[in-house]
Amino acid sequence: MQATTPLWASIVPTKCWRRALPICVASAFLVILAFNASSFSALNNDANTELSYHTTLQTGKFPRKIWQTWKVDPLGFEERDLSCARTWTVKNPGHRYEVLTDQNDLYYVETHFGPAGLNRPDIIYTYRSLTAKIIKADLLRYLVMYVEGGVYTDIDVEALRSVDRFIPERYNERNIDMVIGVEIDQPDFNNHPILGKKSQSFCQWTFVCKPRLPVMLRLIENIMKWLNEVARSQNVPISEIKLDFDEVISGTGPSAFTNAILAEMSEKAGMPIFWNTFHNMGESKLVGGVLVLTVEAFAAGQGHSDSGNHNARTALVKHRYHASGWPAMHPRYSHPVYGEVERCNWNPDCVKLWDANKAAFEALPPEEQQKQISFKESQDAQAQAAANAQFSVDTQIAHLAPL
């Protein structure tokens, strides 16, 4: 029986298709390679992460990495952000520096918590669902520090000293899992209806940890549980939840961070660890593998909590606060006449007066309350008009000034 000649062979000369065959094979290989590039990249990232993790296990050293998160990558930084970032790279030339942005954060989470990574689809789903930027920012720092460890610091934090100065010489780095600092140390306000939950907290705008710490996973899971509870209580998906300032602080911010760490310390110590262990600290303390630095280390110059100033030798960073605009989306409680109690900045006399004024206002008849509110609104409007007028005058003077 005679063999059948393929149709394409009768159309394309034999020499031509023999020459084209290697090109076709090479093209097919390139297509396959391009198709799998993201998978190769993910596997490479995971391999590097695992190598770093095992290196930490073997050496007991903190990963030499500095992490920040922001809207854009460093090439797009404004000068104010760039000036802060430079302090970290200049003072820590031996550390890797990386910024996760609004464009690549989801890829990072999907890579490290996906099937090829830690396989936590619940974490990926929660992160994808979030629309509140401050909640995503808080959660992302915890996710990164759980996976890779190193130093996390907010974009508006300036390094005053090198990271090597974060651990005093009397400590052995092998015995330390985290380095944190006190932010607010005002336990006298613990029972205040507004200030209470914020009166005792560790700082989470800068901290250091080793990878895969149980406390970080505990914190992440606490946050996911809380988010789901809020969504259920508001009868909306996580993407649509509404949060005020205090809910952010207690849900994902310093209060959530502090509670998780105190719980971990208690578990390791085999006994309850309370805030009084860290009240009025004169020097750092190592408790349950967590090195707690004095308030001056990461939170100097606050005007409260005996935080000192940034000129002190023990001050390690300076928080400039220029990127801390999130309260505009999640406002604090503001009394219609007396404003926010936080404006007292933890001054006992000021808080006492605010409380007394608020109580006196609430005892008034509704008609009198409305009169006081209207009077306050009138005063505010006059003050704003005066400020606008002064701004207009200043602008005209600036335009008339000689070059």
Protein backbone atom coordinates (compact mmCIF):
# COMPACT_ATOMS: atom_id res chain seq x y z
CA MET A 1 0.00 0.00 0.00
CA GLN A 2 1.44 3.38 -1.02
CA ALA A 3 2.16 5.87 1.77
CA THR A 4 -0.02 8.97 1.80
CA THR A 5 1.84 12.27 1.39
CA PRO A 6 0.72 14.93 3.90
CA LEU A 7 -0.99 17.93 2.35
CA TRP A 8 1.46 20.41 3.87
CA ALA A 9 4.39 18.45 2.45
CA SER A 10 2.99 18.79 -1.05
CA ILE A 11 2.60 22.53 -0.63
CA VAL A 12 5.86 23.41 1.23
CA PRO A 13 9.12 22.31 -0.34
CA THR A 14 11.02 19.77 1.76
CA LYS A 15 14.11 21.99 2.15
CA CYS A 16 11.98 24.87 3.40
CA TRP A 17 10.18 23.02 6.13
CA ARG A 18 13.38 21.30 7.25
CA ARG A 19 14.98 24.72 7.66
CA ALA A 20 11.91 26.08 9.43
CA LEU A 21 11.63 23.20 11.89
CA PRO A 22 14.36 24.44 14.31
CA ILE A 23 12.78 27.90 14.28
CA CYS A 24 9.36 26.43 15.11
CA VAL A 25 10.80 24.40 17.95
CA ALA A 26 12.65 27.42 19.33
CA SER A 27 9.51 29.56 19.05
CA ALA A 28 7.46 26.95 20.87
CA PHE A 29 10.06 26.82 23.62
CA LEU A 30 9.98 30.61 24.01
CA VAL A 31 6.18 30.58 24.21
CA ILE A 32 6.30 27.90 26.93
CA LEU A 33 9.03 29.81 28.76
CA ALA A 34 7.06 33.07 28.65
CA PHE A 35 3.92 31.28 29.78
CA ASN A 36 5.72 29.88 32.81
CA ALA A 37 7.90 32.89 33.61
CA SER A 38 5.75 33.97 36.50
CA SER A 39 5.83 30.45 37.93
CA PHE A 40 9.63 30.30 37.65
CA SER A 41 9.85 33.72 39.30
CA ALA A 42 7.55 32.66 42.11
CA LEU A 43 9.55 29.49 42.71
CA ASN A 44 12.77 31.50 42.74
CA ASN A 45 11.31 33.98 45.23
CA ASP A 46 10.15 31.14 47.46
CA ALA A 47 13.57 29.49 47.24
CA ASN A 48 15.29 32.72 48.27
CA THR A 49 12.83 33.21 51.12
CA GLU A 50 13.37 29.66 52.38
CA LEU A 51 17.15 30.10 52.17
CA SER A 52 16.90 33.28 54.24
CA TYR A 53 14.63 31.55 56.76
CA HIS A 54 16.98 28.59 57.21
CA THR A 55 19.95 30.93 57.44
CA THR A 56 18.24 32.69 60.34
CA LEU A 57 17.56 29.33 62.02
CA GLN A 58 21.22 28.31 61.68
CA THR A 59 22.86 31.60 62.64
CA GLY A 60 20.28 33.07 65.03
CA LYS A 61 20.79 36.41 63.26
CA PHE A 62 18.08 38.77 62.06
CA PRO A 63 17.71 38.97 58.26
CA ARG A 64 19.56 42.02 56.97
CA LYS A 65 16.56 43.45 55.14
CA ILE A 66 14.72 46.74 55.45
CA TRP A 67 11.09 46.82 54.33
CA GLN A 68 8.80 49.73 53.56
CA THR A 69 5.40 49.97 51.85
CA TRP A 70 4.11 52.91 49.86
CA LYS A 71 1.95 54.00 46.93
CA VAL A 72 4.84 54.00 44.44
CA ASP A 73 8.34 52.57 44.13
CA PRO A 74 11.43 54.60 45.18
CA LEU A 75 11.92 55.98 41.66
CA GLY A 76 8.61 57.80 42.10
CA PHE A 77 9.18 59.05 45.66
CA GLU A 78 8.59 62.68 46.52
CA GLU A 79 11.61 64.41 48.04
CA ARG A 80 10.20 64.16 51.57
CA ASP A 81 9.93 60.35 51.24
CA LEU A 82 13.24 60.03 49.45
CA SER A 83 15.05 61.94 52.17
CA CYS A 84 13.70 59.51 54.78
CA ALA A 85 14.49 56.44 52.67
CA ARG A 86 18.08 57.57 52.13
CA THR A 87 18.73 57.58 55.87
CA TRP A 88 18.01 53.85 55.99
CA THR A 89 20.22 52.90 53.05
CA VAL A 90 23.05 55.25 54.01
CA LYS A 91 23.19 54.11 57.63
CA ASN A 92 22.72 50.42 56.73
CA PRO A 93 24.76 49.72 53.57
CA GLY A 94 24.90 46.00 54.41
CA HIS A 95 21.10 45.63 54.40
CA ARG A 96 18.87 44.88 51.43
CA TYR A 97 16.24 47.59 50.97
CA GLU A 98 12.86 46.88 49.40
CA VAL A 99 9.59 48.76 48.98
CA LEU A 100 6.29 47.04 48.30
CA THR A 101 3.86 49.25 46.41
CA ASP A 102 0.18 49.47 45.59
CA GLN A 103 1.07 47.85 42.26
CA ASN A 104 3.01 44.78 43.46
CA ASP A 105 1.70 44.09 46.98
CA LEU A 106 -0.98 41.63 45.86
CA TYR A 107 1.53 39.69 43.77
CA TYR A 108 3.75 39.40 46.84
CA VAL A 109 0.89 38.10 48.98
CA GLU A 110 -0.34 35.68 46.31
CA THR A 111 3.18 34.36 45.74
CA HIS A 112 4.10 33.72 49.36
CA PHE A 113 0.70 32.61 50.62
CA GLY A 114 -0.41 30.77 47.49
CA PRO A 115 -0.20 27.01 46.70
CA ALA A 116 3.53 27.21 45.95
CA GLY A 117 4.16 29.08 49.19
CA LEU A 118 2.53 28.80 52.59
CA ASN A 119 -0.81 27.77 51.03
CA ARG A 120 -3.11 30.08 52.96
CA PRO A 121 -5.96 30.94 50.57
CA ASP A 122 -7.86 32.53 53.46
CA ILE A 123 -5.13 35.13 53.86
CA ILE A 124 -5.07 35.87 50.13
CA TYR A 125 -8.86 36.17 50.01
CA THR A 126 -8.91 38.56 52.98
CA TYR A 127 -6.15 40.73 51.55
CA ARG A 128 -7.80 40.89 48.13
CA SER A 129 -11.08 41.91 49.77
CA LEU A 130 -9.70 44.88 51.68
CA THR A 131 -10.36 48.38 50.40
CA ALA A 132 -9.41 50.40 53.51
CA LYS A 133 -5.83 51.44 52.75
CA ILE A 134 -4.67 51.71 56.37
CA ILE A 135 -5.96 48.21 57.13
CA LYS A 136 -4.12 46.83 54.09
CA ALA A 137 -0.96 48.70 55.12
CA ASP A 138 -1.09 47.28 58.64
CA LEU A 139 -1.80 43.75 57.47
CA LEU A 140 0.84 43.84 54.74
CA ARG A 141 3.64 44.72 57.17
CA TYR A 142 2.69 41.77 59.36
CA LEU A 143 2.53 39.41 56.37
CA VAL A 144 5.95 40.49 55.11
CA MET A 145 7.54 40.24 58.52
CA TYR A 146 6.05 36.80 59.06
CA VAL A 147 7.37 35.52 55.73
CA GLU A 148 10.79 37.17 55.63
CA GLY A 149 11.50 39.12 58.79
CA GLY A 150 14.04 41.93 59.01
CA VAL A 151 13.25 45.58 59.75
CA TYR A 152 9.91 47.16 58.95
CA THR A 153 9.60 50.93 59.06
CA ASP A 154 6.97 53.39 57.84
CA ILE A 155 7.73 55.56 54.82
CA ASP A 156 7.84 58.73 56.97
CA VAL A 157 10.31 57.40 59.53
CA GLU A 158 13.89 58.63 59.49
CA ALA A 159 16.77 56.46 60.69
CA LEU A 160 18.88 58.27 63.29
CA ARG A 161 21.16 55.31 64.03
CA SER A 162 22.11 52.13 62.18
CA VAL A 163 20.07 48.98 62.77
CA ASP A 164 23.11 47.45 64.47
CA ARG A 165 22.48 49.91 67.32
CA PHE A 166 18.98 48.55 67.93
CA ILE A 167 20.26 45.71 70.13
CA PRO A 168 22.35 46.79 73.14
CA GLU A 169 25.67 44.97 73.51
CA ARG A 170 24.64 43.15 76.68
CA TYR A 171 22.17 40.98 74.71
CA ASN A 172 22.86 37.93 72.55
CA GLU A 173 21.06 38.25 69.22
CA ARG A 174 20.40 34.49 69.20
CA ASN A 175 18.12 34.90 72.22
CA ILE A 176 15.99 37.60 70.60
CA ASP A 177 13.08 37.02 68.21
CA MET A 178 11.74 40.58 68.02
CA VAL A 179 12.89 44.11 68.75
CA ILE A 180 10.11 46.56 69.55
CA GLY A 181 9.74 49.85 71.40
CA VAL A 182 7.19 51.46 73.66
CA GLU A 183 4.99 54.07 71.95
CA ILE A 184 2.40 55.14 74.53
CA ASP A 185 2.93 54.60 78.25
CA GLN A 186 -0.02 56.28 79.95
CA PRO A 187 -1.64 53.58 82.12
CA ASP A 188 -3.37 56.19 84.31
CA PHE A 189 -5.85 56.60 81.43
CA ASN A 190 -6.52 52.87 81.17
CA ASN A 191 -10.17 53.26 82.18
CA HIS A 192 -10.90 56.33 80.07
CA PRO A 193 -13.81 55.63 77.66
CA ILE A 194 -11.93 57.03 74.66
CA LEU A 195 -8.23 56.97 75.56
CA GLY A 196 -8.22 53.71 77.50
CA LYS A 197 -7.51 51.22 74.71
CA LYS A 198 -4.76 53.46 73.33
CA SER A 199 -3.04 54.25 76.63
CA GLN A 200 -0.57 51.34 76.66
CA SER A 201 0.98 50.26 73.40
CA PHE A 202 4.09 49.18 71.58
CA CYS A 203 5.18 50.99 68.44
CA GLN A 204 4.52 49.31 65.10
CA TRP A 205 5.78 52.03 62.74
CA THR A 206 9.23 50.50 63.26
CA PHE A 207 10.06 47.02 64.54
CA VAL A 208 12.38 44.11 63.85
CA CYS A 209 11.68 40.38 63.84
CA LYS A 210 12.87 37.04 62.61
CA PRO A 211 10.79 35.15 60.01
CA ARG A 212 7.98 32.69 60.76
CA LEU A 213 7.37 33.82 64.32
CA PRO A 214 4.17 32.36 65.80
CA VAL A 215 3.30 35.77 67.27
CA MET A 216 3.11 37.30 63.80
CA LEU A 217 0.85 34.53 62.52
CA ARG A 218 -1.27 34.89 65.66
CA LEU A 219 -1.62 38.61 64.90
CA ILE A 220 -2.55 37.98 61.26
CA GLU A 221 -5.19 35.44 62.21
CA ASN A 222 -6.56 37.73 64.94
CA ILE A 223 -7.00 40.46 62.33
CA MET A 224 -8.79 38.15 59.88
CA LYS A 225 -11.14 36.98 62.62
CA TRP A 226 -11.83 40.58 63.64
CA LEU A 227 -12.48 41.69 60.06
CA ASN A 228 -15.00 38.90 59.56
CA GLU A 229 -16.74 39.79 62.82
CA VAL A 230 -16.98 43.45 61.78
CA ALA A 231 -18.34 42.47 58.36
CA ARG A 232 -20.98 40.26 59.97
CA SER A 233 -21.99 42.94 62.48
CA GLN A 234 -22.36 45.52 59.71
CA ASN A 235 -24.00 42.97 57.38
CA VAL A 236 -21.63 43.82 54.53
CA PRO A 237 -18.64 42.15 52.84
CA ILE A 238 -15.16 42.99 54.15
CA SER A 239 -14.68 45.33 51.18
CA GLU A 240 -17.48 47.58 52.45
CA ILE A 241 -16.85 47.78 56.20
CA LYS A 242 -16.70 51.23 57.81
CA LEU A 243 -14.22 51.88 60.61
CA ASP A 244 -13.50 54.85 62.86
CA PHE A 245 -10.09 55.79 64.25
CA ASP A 246 -10.32 53.73 67.42
CA GLU A 247 -11.52 50.65 65.54
CA VAL A 248 -8.45 50.84 63.28
CA ILE A 249 -6.12 51.24 66.27
CA SER A 250 -7.63 48.31 68.13
CA GLY A 251 -8.25 46.10 65.09
CA THR A 252 -4.97 46.24 63.17
CA GLY A 253 -2.91 49.05 64.67
CA PRO A 254 -0.76 49.42 67.80
CA SER A 255 -3.36 47.99 70.19
CA ALA A 256 -3.77 44.80 68.12
CA PHE A 257 0.01 44.55 67.78
CA THR A 258 0.48 45.02 71.54
CA ASN A 259 -2.18 42.51 72.57
CA ALA A 260 -0.71 39.79 70.36
CA ILE A 261 2.79 40.36 71.73
CA LEU A 262 1.66 40.38 75.37
CA ALA A 263 -0.22 37.12 74.76
CA GLU A 264 2.88 35.53 73.22
CA MET A 265 5.07 36.74 76.09
CA SER A 266 2.61 35.28 78.60
CA GLU A 267 2.57 31.94 76.82
CA LYS A 268 6.36 31.70 76.75
CA ALA A 269 6.75 32.89 80.34
CA GLY A 270 4.07 30.53 81.62
CA MET A 271 2.48 33.41 83.50
CA PRO A 272 0.47 36.52 82.64
CA ILE A 273 2.56 39.46 81.42
CA PHE A 274 0.87 42.81 81.91
CA TRP A 275 1.74 46.34 80.84
CA ASN A 276 3.16 47.25 84.26
CA THR A 277 6.24 45.21 83.27
CA PHE A 278 7.06 47.96 80.75
CA HIS A 279 5.78 51.04 82.56
CA ASN A 280 8.39 53.73 83.22
CA MET A 281 11.24 51.56 81.91
CA GLY A 282 14.65 53.05 82.51
CA GLU A 283 16.34 50.55 80.18
CA SER A 284 15.39 47.83 77.73
CA LYS A 285 13.95 44.47 78.81
CA LEU A 286 14.02 41.01 77.21
CA VAL A 287 10.78 39.12 77.90
CA GLY A 288 9.87 35.86 76.18
CA GLY A 289 12.28 36.46 73.32
CA VAL A 290 10.98 39.99 72.70
CA LEU A 291 13.42 42.83 73.32
CA VAL A 292 11.42 45.88 74.41
CA LEU A 293 13.23 49.20 74.07
CA THR A 294 12.36 52.34 76.00
CA VAL A 295 9.90 54.83 74.52
CA GLU A 296 12.75 57.11 73.45
CA ALA A 297 14.10 54.51 71.00
CA PHE A 298 11.34 54.56 68.36
CA ALA A 299 8.92 57.21 69.68
CA ALA A 300 10.98 60.12 70.98
CA GLY A 301 9.65 63.67 70.95
CA GLN A 302 5.94 62.90 71.38
CA GLY A 303 5.45 65.24 74.32
CA HIS A 304 4.08 62.46 76.50
CA SER A 305 5.06 59.08 77.99
CA ASP A 306 8.41 60.53 79.11
CA SER A 307 9.53 60.16 75.49
CA GLY A 308 12.43 62.62 75.67
CA ASN A 309 13.76 64.06 72.41
CA HIS A 310 15.53 63.01 69.24
CA ASN A 311 18.90 64.36 70.36
CA ALA A 312 19.26 61.61 72.95
CA ARG A 313 21.80 58.83 72.27
CA THR A 314 19.06 56.24 72.79
CA ALA A 315 16.80 57.74 70.10
CA LEU A 316 17.04 55.44 67.07
CA VAL A 317 14.42 56.80 64.65
CA LYS A 318 12.39 59.95 64.08
CA HIS A 319 8.78 59.68 62.96
CA ARG A 320 7.97 62.69 60.77
CA TYR A 321 4.25 61.83 60.40
CA HIS A 322 3.92 63.40 56.95
CA ALA A 323 2.39 60.20 55.55
CA SER A 324 -0.02 59.73 58.46
CA GLY A 325 -3.12 61.10 56.75
CA TRP A 326 -5.31 58.04 57.21
CA PRO A 327 -7.35 59.48 60.15
CA ALA A 328 -9.10 61.71 57.59
CA MET A 329 -10.79 58.55 56.28
CA HIS A 330 -11.33 57.08 59.75
CA PRO A 331 -12.09 60.05 62.03
CA ARG A 332 -11.70 60.18 65.78
CA TYR A 333 -14.63 60.95 68.04
CA SER A 334 -15.00 64.72 68.09
CA HIS A 335 -17.34 66.45 70.52
CA PRO A 336 -19.48 69.07 68.71
CA VAL A 337 -18.30 71.76 71.12
CA TYR A 338 -15.07 70.58 72.73
CA GLY A 339 -13.49 68.66 69.85
CA GLU A 340 -11.15 65.69 70.20
CA VAL A 341 -9.78 64.67 73.57
CA GLU A 342 -6.60 63.48 71.79
CA ARG A 343 -5.70 67.14 71.32
CA CYS A 344 -4.81 67.12 75.01
CA ASN A 345 -1.86 64.88 74.09
CA TRP A 346 -2.27 62.91 77.34
CA ASN A 347 -2.02 65.97 79.57
CA PRO A 348 -3.95 64.94 82.74
CA ASP A 349 -5.34 68.41 83.52
CA CYS A 350 -6.50 68.93 79.94
CA VAL A 351 -8.19 65.51 79.79
CA LYS A 352 -9.86 66.12 83.14
CA LEU A 353 -11.25 69.46 81.92
CA TRP A 354 -12.45 67.90 78.64
CA ASP A 355 -14.25 65.15 80.55
CA ALA A 356 -15.88 67.68 82.90
CA ASN A 357 -17.01 69.89 80.01
CA LYS A 358 -18.44 66.91 78.15
CA ALA A 359 -20.35 65.75 81.24
CA ALA A 360 -21.71 69.25 81.85
CA PHE A 361 -22.80 69.53 78.21
CA GLU A 362 -24.65 66.20 78.38
CA ALA A 363 -26.55 67.41 81.47
CA LEU A 364 -27.95 70.40 79.56
CA PRO A 365 -31.43 70.44 77.97
CA PRO A 366 -31.38 69.70 74.22
CA GLU A 367 -32.23 73.34 73.39
CA GLU A 368 -29.20 74.64 75.33
CA GLN A 369 -26.96 72.01 73.78
CA GLN A 370 -28.00 73.18 70.31
CA LYS A 371 -27.30 76.81 71.25
CA GLN A 372 -23.75 75.91 72.30
CA ILE A 373 -23.22 73.90 69.13
CA SER A 374 -24.47 76.78 66.95
CA PHE A 375 -22.23 79.24 68.80
CA LYS A 376 -19.21 76.96 68.30
CA GLU A 377 -19.99 76.53 64.60
CA SER A 378 -20.23 80.32 64.23
CA GLN A 379 -16.85 80.77 65.94
CA ASP A 380 -15.26 78.14 63.71
CA ALA A 381 -16.68 79.77 60.58
CA GLN A 382 -15.31 83.18 61.61
CA ALA A 383 -11.90 81.69 62.38
CA GLN A 384 -11.83 79.93 59.00
CA ALA A 385 -12.81 83.14 57.18
CA ALA A 386 -10.04 85.04 58.96
CA ALA A 387 -7.52 82.33 58.06
CA ASN A 388 -8.60 82.41 54.40
CA ALA A 389 -8.29 86.20 54.31
CA GLN A 390 -4.80 86.06 55.82
CA PHE A 391 -3.77 83.41 53.31
CA SER A 392 -5.00 85.64 50.47
CA VAL A 393 -3.00 88.60 51.80
CA ASP A 394 0.13 86.49 52.22
CA THR A 395 -0.23 85.17 48.67
CA GLN A 396 -0.55 88.69 47.22
CA ILE A 397 2.50 89.88 49.16
CA ALA A 398 4.50 86.90 47.91
CA HIS A 399 3.56 87.75 44.30
CA LEU A 400 4.55 91.41 44.75
CA ALA A 401 7.90 90.60 46.36
CA PRO A 402 10.91 91.32 44.10
CA LEU A 403 12.62 88.29 42.52
